[in-house]
Amino acid sequence: MVSFESFYEALLRYKEEHGDLFVPTKYVVDGFKLGMKVSYTRKHPERLTKEEFDKLKKIGFVWRIKSKHSFDEIYTLLKQYKEEHGTCKMSRFYTTPSGVNLGNILYCIIEGVTMTSIEEKEKIKELGFARQSK
């Protein structure tokens, strides 16, 4: 298990290198799955101490993600995926040929990580994309 300090230092390095804290889920640095740890931390902030939470807040940790792509872009890509693949089942790791991590974006919308309106979520459900049972 990685200590909070190691996680924090890795975040600071990521921010210095990339200019933000939008760490992709699959991002790994020196064998440490930083993206997975960021995702877990977003889902379970209650597992942090107040001091840890405050430290992350101070460096601009992103608790809820707003997609870099507009809803219309995402909706169009989802429609294309459904037409091309004949299904609404999508791996969380699916990336479009143009490099959009559509699977993760869809997952974040469905799980409520990404800020999306009720109307937008309904449009996605109407297409047939919804939470997949495990």
N, C-alpha and C. Protein backbone atom coordinates (compact mmCIF):
# COMPACT_ATOMS: atom_id res chain seq x y z
N MET A 1 0.85 -1.19 0.00
CA MET A 1 0.00 0.00 0.00
C MET A 1 0.89 1.24 0.00
N VAL A 2 0.53 2.19 -0.81
CA VAL A 2 1.31 3.42 -0.95
C VAL A 2 0.87 4.42 0.11
N SER A 3 1.82 5.08 0.73
CA SER A 3 1.50 6.07 1.76
C SER A 3 0.86 7.30 1.13
N PHE A 4 0.14 8.04 1.96
CA PHE A 4 -0.46 9.28 1.47
C PHE A 4 0.63 10.22 0.96
N GLU A 5 1.74 10.31 1.67
CA GLU A 5 2.82 11.22 1.26
C GLU A 5 3.36 10.86 -0.12
N SER A 6 3.51 9.57 -0.40
CA SER A 6 3.98 9.14 -1.73
C SER A 6 2.96 9.52 -2.80
N PHE A 7 1.69 9.31 -2.48
CA PHE A 7 0.60 9.68 -3.39
C PHE A 7 0.62 11.19 -3.64
N TYR A 8 0.73 11.94 -2.58
CA TYR A 8 0.75 13.41 -2.66
C TYR A 8 1.93 13.90 -3.51
N GLU A 9 3.11 13.34 -3.27
CA GLU A 9 4.30 13.73 -4.03
C GLU A 9 4.14 13.40 -5.51
N ALA A 10 3.54 12.24 -5.80
CA ALA A 10 3.30 11.85 -7.20
C ALA A 10 2.31 12.82 -7.86
N LEU A 11 1.31 13.26 -7.11
CA LEU A 11 0.36 14.24 -7.64
C LEU A 11 1.05 15.57 -7.94
N LEU A 12 1.91 16.00 -7.04
CA LEU A 12 2.64 17.25 -7.27
C LEU A 12 3.51 17.16 -8.52
N ARG A 13 4.18 16.02 -8.71
CA ARG A 13 5.00 15.84 -9.91
C ARG A 13 4.13 15.84 -11.16
N TYR A 14 2.99 15.15 -11.10
CA TYR A 14 2.07 15.12 -12.24
C TYR A 14 1.62 16.54 -12.59
N LYS A 15 1.23 17.30 -11.57
CA LYS A 15 0.75 18.66 -11.80
C LYS A 15 1.85 19.53 -12.41
N GLU A 16 3.06 19.37 -11.93
CA GLU A 16 4.19 20.14 -12.47
C GLU A 16 4.43 19.80 -13.94
N GLU A 17 4.33 18.51 -14.26
CA GLU A 17 4.59 18.06 -15.62
C GLU A 17 3.45 18.37 -16.59
N HIS A 18 2.20 18.21 -16.12
CA HIS A 18 1.04 18.32 -17.01
C HIS A 18 0.22 19.60 -16.83
N GLY A 19 0.46 20.31 -15.75
CA GLY A 19 -0.24 21.56 -15.53
C GLY A 19 -1.63 21.43 -14.93
N ASP A 20 -2.04 20.22 -14.60
CA ASP A 20 -3.36 20.01 -13.99
C ASP A 20 -3.34 18.74 -13.17
N LEU A 21 -4.48 18.41 -12.57
CA LEU A 21 -4.60 17.17 -11.81
C LEU A 21 -5.68 16.27 -12.39
N PHE A 22 -5.88 16.36 -13.72
CA PHE A 22 -6.81 15.46 -14.42
C PHE A 22 -6.05 14.19 -14.80
N VAL A 23 -5.71 13.40 -13.83
CA VAL A 23 -4.89 12.21 -14.04
C VAL A 23 -5.74 11.12 -14.69
N PRO A 24 -5.35 10.66 -15.89
CA PRO A 24 -6.11 9.57 -16.52
C PRO A 24 -6.08 8.31 -15.66
N THR A 25 -7.15 7.57 -15.66
CA THR A 25 -7.28 6.38 -14.83
C THR A 25 -6.15 5.39 -15.07
N LYS A 26 -5.68 5.27 -16.30
CA LYS A 26 -4.65 4.29 -16.61
C LYS A 26 -3.22 4.82 -16.42
N TYR A 27 -3.08 6.03 -15.89
CA TYR A 27 -1.75 6.65 -15.75
C TYR A 27 -0.93 5.93 -14.67
N VAL A 28 0.28 5.52 -15.05
CA VAL A 28 1.20 4.84 -14.13
C VAL A 28 2.52 5.59 -14.16
N VAL A 29 3.11 5.81 -12.98
CA VAL A 29 4.41 6.46 -12.90
C VAL A 29 5.29 5.63 -11.96
N ASP A 30 6.43 5.22 -12.47
CA ASP A 30 7.38 4.40 -11.68
C ASP A 30 6.70 3.19 -11.06
N GLY A 31 5.81 2.55 -11.80
CA GLY A 31 5.12 1.35 -11.32
C GLY A 31 3.94 1.64 -10.41
N PHE A 32 3.72 2.89 -10.04
CA PHE A 32 2.62 3.28 -9.16
C PHE A 32 1.42 3.68 -10.02
N LYS A 33 0.29 3.04 -9.79
CA LYS A 33 -0.93 3.31 -10.55
C LYS A 33 -1.60 4.57 -10.00
N LEU A 34 -1.02 5.71 -10.34
CA LEU A 34 -1.50 6.99 -9.84
C LEU A 34 -2.94 7.26 -10.26
N GLY A 35 -3.27 6.97 -11.50
CA GLY A 35 -4.63 7.20 -11.99
C GLY A 35 -5.67 6.43 -11.21
N MET A 36 -5.36 5.19 -10.89
CA MET A 36 -6.29 4.35 -10.12
C MET A 36 -6.44 4.90 -8.70
N LYS A 37 -5.33 5.36 -8.11
CA LYS A 37 -5.37 5.92 -6.76
C LYS A 37 -6.19 7.22 -6.74
N VAL A 38 -6.06 8.04 -7.77
CA VAL A 38 -6.84 9.27 -7.87
C VAL A 38 -8.33 8.92 -7.97
N SER A 39 -8.65 7.97 -8.82
CA SER A 39 -10.04 7.54 -8.99
C SER A 39 -10.62 7.04 -7.66
N TYR A 40 -9.86 6.21 -6.97
CA TYR A 40 -10.29 5.66 -5.68
C TYR A 40 -10.49 6.78 -4.66
N THR A 41 -9.57 7.73 -4.64
CA THR A 41 -9.64 8.84 -3.69
C THR A 41 -10.87 9.69 -3.95
N ARG A 42 -11.20 9.90 -5.23
CA ARG A 42 -12.41 10.67 -5.57
C ARG A 42 -13.66 9.97 -5.05
N LYS A 43 -13.68 8.66 -5.17
CA LYS A 43 -14.86 7.89 -4.76
C LYS A 43 -14.95 7.74 -3.25
N HIS A 44 -13.82 7.81 -2.55
CA HIS A 44 -13.80 7.55 -1.11
C HIS A 44 -13.07 8.63 -0.32
N PRO A 45 -13.52 9.88 -0.44
CA PRO A 45 -12.84 10.94 0.31
C PRO A 45 -12.95 10.76 1.82
N GLU A 46 -13.95 10.00 2.24
CA GLU A 46 -14.14 9.76 3.67
C GLU A 46 -12.99 8.95 4.28
N ARG A 47 -12.19 8.32 3.45
CA ARG A 47 -11.06 7.53 3.95
C ARG A 47 -9.81 8.38 4.22
N LEU A 48 -9.91 9.65 3.89
CA LEU A 48 -8.80 10.57 4.16
C LEU A 48 -8.97 11.21 5.52
N THR A 49 -7.85 11.55 6.13
CA THR A 49 -7.93 12.35 7.36
C THR A 49 -8.26 13.78 6.93
N LYS A 50 -8.66 14.60 7.88
CA LYS A 50 -8.95 16.00 7.57
C LYS A 50 -7.70 16.68 7.02
N GLU A 51 -6.55 16.36 7.58
CA GLU A 51 -5.29 16.96 7.12
C GLU A 51 -4.98 16.55 5.68
N GLU A 52 -5.19 15.28 5.36
CA GLU A 52 -4.95 14.80 4.00
C GLU A 52 -5.92 15.47 3.02
N PHE A 53 -7.18 15.53 3.40
CA PHE A 53 -8.20 16.18 2.56
C PHE A 53 -7.81 17.63 2.31
N ASP A 54 -7.44 18.34 3.35
CA ASP A 54 -7.07 19.75 3.23
C ASP A 54 -5.84 19.94 2.34
N LYS A 55 -4.88 19.02 2.46
CA LYS A 55 -3.67 19.09 1.63
C LYS A 55 -4.02 18.94 0.15
N LEU A 56 -4.89 17.99 -0.16
CA LEU A 56 -5.30 17.78 -1.54
C LEU A 56 -6.09 18.99 -2.05
N LYS A 57 -6.96 19.50 -1.22
CA LYS A 57 -7.76 20.67 -1.59
C LYS A 57 -6.84 21.85 -1.91
N LYS A 58 -5.81 22.03 -1.12
CA LYS A 58 -4.89 23.16 -1.28
C LYS A 58 -4.15 23.13 -2.63
N ILE A 59 -3.86 21.93 -3.15
CA ILE A 59 -3.14 21.85 -4.43
C ILE A 59 -4.10 21.79 -5.62
N GLY A 60 -5.41 21.87 -5.34
CA GLY A 60 -6.39 21.88 -6.43
C GLY A 60 -6.83 20.52 -6.90
N PHE A 61 -6.81 19.53 -6.01
CA PHE A 61 -7.28 18.19 -6.37
C PHE A 61 -8.69 18.29 -6.93
N VAL A 62 -8.94 17.59 -8.02
CA VAL A 62 -10.23 17.65 -8.71
C VAL A 62 -11.11 16.53 -8.17
N TRP A 63 -12.14 16.91 -7.42
CA TRP A 63 -13.03 15.91 -6.81
C TRP A 63 -14.10 15.45 -7.77
N ARG A 64 -14.59 16.32 -8.60
CA ARG A 64 -15.59 15.94 -9.61
C ARG A 64 -15.09 16.48 -10.93
N ILE A 65 -15.16 15.66 -11.94
CA ILE A 65 -14.59 16.00 -13.23
C ILE A 65 -15.66 16.50 -14.19
N LYS A 66 -15.34 17.57 -14.85
CA LYS A 66 -16.16 18.03 -15.96
C LYS A 66 -15.39 17.62 -17.22
N SER A 67 -16.04 16.92 -18.09
CA SER A 67 -15.38 16.39 -19.27
C SER A 67 -14.78 17.51 -20.12
N LYS A 68 -13.65 17.21 -20.75
CA LYS A 68 -13.01 18.14 -21.66
C LYS A 68 -13.80 18.26 -22.96
N HIS A 69 -14.70 17.32 -23.18
CA HIS A 69 -15.51 17.28 -24.40
C HIS A 69 -16.93 17.71 -24.08
N SER A 70 -17.57 18.37 -25.03
CA SER A 70 -18.95 18.80 -24.81
C SER A 70 -19.86 17.58 -24.79
N PHE A 71 -21.02 17.77 -24.19
CA PHE A 71 -21.98 16.68 -24.15
C PHE A 71 -22.37 16.25 -25.55
N ASP A 72 -22.54 17.21 -26.45
CA ASP A 72 -22.92 16.88 -27.83
C ASP A 72 -21.86 16.00 -28.50
N GLU A 73 -20.58 16.30 -28.26
CA GLU A 73 -19.51 15.46 -28.81
C GLU A 73 -19.60 14.03 -28.27
N ILE A 74 -19.77 13.93 -26.95
CA ILE A 74 -19.86 12.61 -26.31
C ILE A 74 -21.07 11.85 -26.82
N TYR A 75 -22.20 12.52 -26.91
CA TYR A 75 -23.43 11.90 -27.38
C TYR A 75 -23.26 11.37 -28.80
N THR A 76 -22.64 12.17 -29.66
CA THR A 76 -22.39 11.74 -31.05
C THR A 76 -21.48 10.52 -31.07
N LEU A 77 -20.43 10.52 -30.27
CA LEU A 77 -19.52 9.37 -30.21
C LEU A 77 -20.22 8.13 -29.69
N LEU A 78 -21.10 8.29 -28.71
CA LEU A 78 -21.86 7.14 -28.19
C LEU A 78 -22.79 6.57 -29.26
N LYS A 79 -23.46 7.45 -30.01
CA LYS A 79 -24.32 6.99 -31.10
C LYS A 79 -23.51 6.24 -32.14
N GLN A 80 -22.34 6.77 -32.49
CA GLN A 80 -21.47 6.11 -33.47
C GLN A 80 -21.02 4.74 -32.97
N TYR A 81 -20.66 4.68 -31.70
CA TYR A 81 -20.23 3.41 -31.11
C TYR A 81 -21.36 2.37 -31.22
N LYS A 82 -22.55 2.77 -30.85
CA LYS A 82 -23.70 1.85 -30.89
C LYS A 82 -23.95 1.38 -32.32
N GLU A 83 -23.87 2.29 -33.29
CA GLU A 83 -24.09 1.92 -34.69
C GLU A 83 -22.99 0.97 -35.19
N GLU A 84 -21.75 1.26 -34.86
CA GLU A 84 -20.62 0.46 -35.34
C GLU A 84 -20.53 -0.90 -34.66
N HIS A 85 -20.84 -0.96 -33.36
CA HIS A 85 -20.66 -2.19 -32.59
C HIS A 85 -21.95 -2.96 -32.35
N GLY A 86 -23.08 -2.31 -32.62
CA GLY A 86 -24.37 -2.99 -32.44
C GLY A 86 -24.72 -3.28 -31.00
N THR A 87 -24.08 -2.59 -30.08
CA THR A 87 -24.32 -2.81 -28.65
C THR A 87 -24.05 -1.54 -27.88
N CYS A 88 -24.56 -1.51 -26.67
CA CYS A 88 -24.27 -0.39 -25.77
C CYS A 88 -23.34 -0.83 -24.64
N LYS A 89 -22.85 -2.05 -24.72
CA LYS A 89 -21.87 -2.51 -23.74
C LYS A 89 -20.50 -2.03 -24.19
N MET A 90 -19.84 -1.34 -23.28
CA MET A 90 -18.55 -0.74 -23.62
C MET A 90 -17.58 -0.93 -22.46
N SER A 91 -16.38 -1.34 -22.78
CA SER A 91 -15.34 -1.44 -21.76
C SER A 91 -15.04 -0.05 -21.22
N ARG A 92 -14.76 0.03 -19.96
CA ARG A 92 -14.37 1.31 -19.36
C ARG A 92 -13.09 1.83 -19.99
N PHE A 93 -12.33 0.97 -20.62
CA PHE A 93 -11.04 1.35 -21.19
C PHE A 93 -11.11 1.58 -22.71
N TYR A 94 -12.34 1.59 -23.28
CA TYR A 94 -12.48 1.81 -24.71
C TYR A 94 -12.07 3.23 -25.08
N THR A 95 -11.21 3.34 -26.09
CA THR A 95 -10.78 4.62 -26.61
C THR A 95 -11.13 4.67 -28.09
N THR A 96 -11.69 5.78 -28.53
CA THR A 96 -12.08 5.94 -29.93
C THR A 96 -10.82 6.02 -30.80
N PRO A 97 -10.95 5.77 -32.10
CA PRO A 97 -9.80 5.90 -32.99
C PRO A 97 -9.17 7.30 -32.94
N SER A 98 -9.96 8.32 -32.57
CA SER A 98 -9.41 9.69 -32.49
C SER A 98 -8.77 9.98 -31.13
N GLY A 99 -8.76 8.97 -30.23
CA GLY A 99 -8.07 9.12 -28.96
C GLY A 99 -8.93 9.56 -27.78
N VAL A 100 -10.25 9.60 -27.93
CA VAL A 100 -11.12 9.98 -26.83
C VAL A 100 -11.38 8.74 -25.97
N ASN A 101 -11.10 8.85 -24.68
CA ASN A 101 -11.30 7.73 -23.76
C ASN A 101 -12.80 7.64 -23.42
N LEU A 102 -13.57 7.22 -24.40
CA LEU A 102 -15.02 7.23 -24.31
C LEU A 102 -15.56 6.31 -23.21
N GLY A 103 -14.93 5.17 -23.04
CA GLY A 103 -15.37 4.23 -22.01
C GLY A 103 -15.29 4.84 -20.62
N ASN A 104 -14.20 5.52 -20.34
CA ASN A 104 -14.05 6.14 -19.03
C ASN A 104 -14.99 7.33 -18.87
N ILE A 105 -15.18 8.10 -19.93
CA ILE A 105 -16.10 9.24 -19.87
C ILE A 105 -17.51 8.74 -19.58
N LEU A 106 -17.94 7.69 -20.28
CA LEU A 106 -19.27 7.12 -20.05
C LEU A 106 -19.39 6.62 -18.62
N TYR A 107 -18.38 5.91 -18.15
CA TYR A 107 -18.38 5.39 -16.78
C TYR A 107 -18.55 6.55 -15.78
N CYS A 108 -17.78 7.62 -15.97
CA CYS A 108 -17.83 8.76 -15.05
C CYS A 108 -19.18 9.46 -15.08
N ILE A 109 -19.82 9.51 -16.24
CA ILE A 109 -21.16 10.10 -16.33
C ILE A 109 -22.15 9.23 -15.57
N ILE A 110 -22.13 7.94 -15.84
CA ILE A 110 -23.09 7.02 -15.21
C ILE A 110 -22.90 6.97 -13.70
N GLU A 111 -21.65 6.99 -13.24
CA GLU A 111 -21.36 6.89 -11.81
C GLU A 111 -21.48 8.23 -11.09
N GLY A 112 -21.71 9.30 -11.83
CA GLY A 112 -21.89 10.60 -11.21
C GLY A 112 -20.60 11.33 -10.87
N VAL A 113 -19.49 10.87 -11.43
CA VAL A 113 -18.21 11.54 -11.18
C VAL A 113 -18.11 12.80 -12.01
N THR A 114 -18.61 12.73 -13.24
CA THR A 114 -18.60 13.87 -14.15
C THR A 114 -19.88 14.68 -13.96
N MET A 115 -19.73 15.99 -13.94
CA MET A 115 -20.90 16.85 -13.80
C MET A 115 -21.73 16.79 -15.08
N THR A 116 -22.89 16.18 -14.98
CA THR A 116 -23.78 16.01 -16.12
C THR A 116 -25.20 16.28 -15.64
N SER A 117 -25.98 16.94 -16.47
CA SER A 117 -27.36 17.24 -16.07
C SER A 117 -28.22 15.98 -16.12
N ILE A 118 -29.35 16.04 -15.45
CA ILE A 118 -30.30 14.92 -15.45
C ILE A 118 -30.78 14.66 -16.88
N GLU A 119 -31.00 15.73 -17.63
CA GLU A 119 -31.47 15.59 -19.01
C GLU A 119 -30.43 14.87 -19.87
N GLU A 120 -29.17 15.22 -19.68
CA GLU A 120 -28.10 14.57 -20.45
C GLU A 120 -27.99 13.09 -20.09
N LYS A 121 -28.08 12.79 -18.81
CA LYS A 121 -28.05 11.37 -18.39
C LYS A 121 -29.22 10.61 -18.99
N GLU A 122 -30.38 11.23 -19.05
CA GLU A 122 -31.56 10.59 -19.63
C GLU A 122 -31.35 10.31 -21.12
N LYS A 123 -30.75 11.26 -21.84
CA LYS A 123 -30.48 11.05 -23.27
C LYS A 123 -29.56 9.85 -23.47
N ILE A 124 -28.58 9.70 -22.61
CA ILE A 124 -27.66 8.56 -22.70
C ILE A 124 -28.40 7.27 -22.40
N LYS A 125 -29.26 7.28 -21.39
CA LYS A 125 -30.06 6.09 -21.07
C LYS A 125 -30.97 5.72 -22.23
N GLU A 126 -31.56 6.73 -22.87
CA GLU A 126 -32.45 6.49 -24.01
C GLU A 126 -31.72 5.82 -25.16
N LEU A 127 -30.42 6.13 -25.31
CA LEU A 127 -29.61 5.45 -26.32
C LEU A 127 -29.40 3.98 -25.97
N GLY A 128 -29.50 3.68 -24.67
CA GLY A 128 -29.30 2.30 -24.22
C GLY A 128 -28.07 2.12 -23.34
N PHE A 129 -27.35 3.22 -23.08
CA PHE A 129 -26.17 3.13 -22.21
C PHE A 129 -26.61 3.36 -20.78
N ALA A 130 -26.33 2.41 -19.92
CA ALA A 130 -26.67 2.51 -18.51
C ALA A 130 -25.66 1.71 -17.70
N ARG A 131 -25.79 1.79 -16.41
CA ARG A 131 -24.88 1.05 -15.53
C ARG A 131 -24.93 -0.43 -15.88
N GLN A 132 -23.75 -1.02 -16.05
CA GLN A 132 -23.66 -2.43 -16.39
C GLN A 132 -23.66 -3.24 -15.09
N SER A 133 -24.43 -4.30 -15.05
CA SER A 133 -24.38 -5.18 -13.88
C SER A 133 -23.09 -5.96 -13.92
N LYS A 134 -22.56 -6.27 -12.74
CA LYS A 134 -21.27 -6.96 -12.67
C LYS A 134 -21.40 -8.44 -12.77
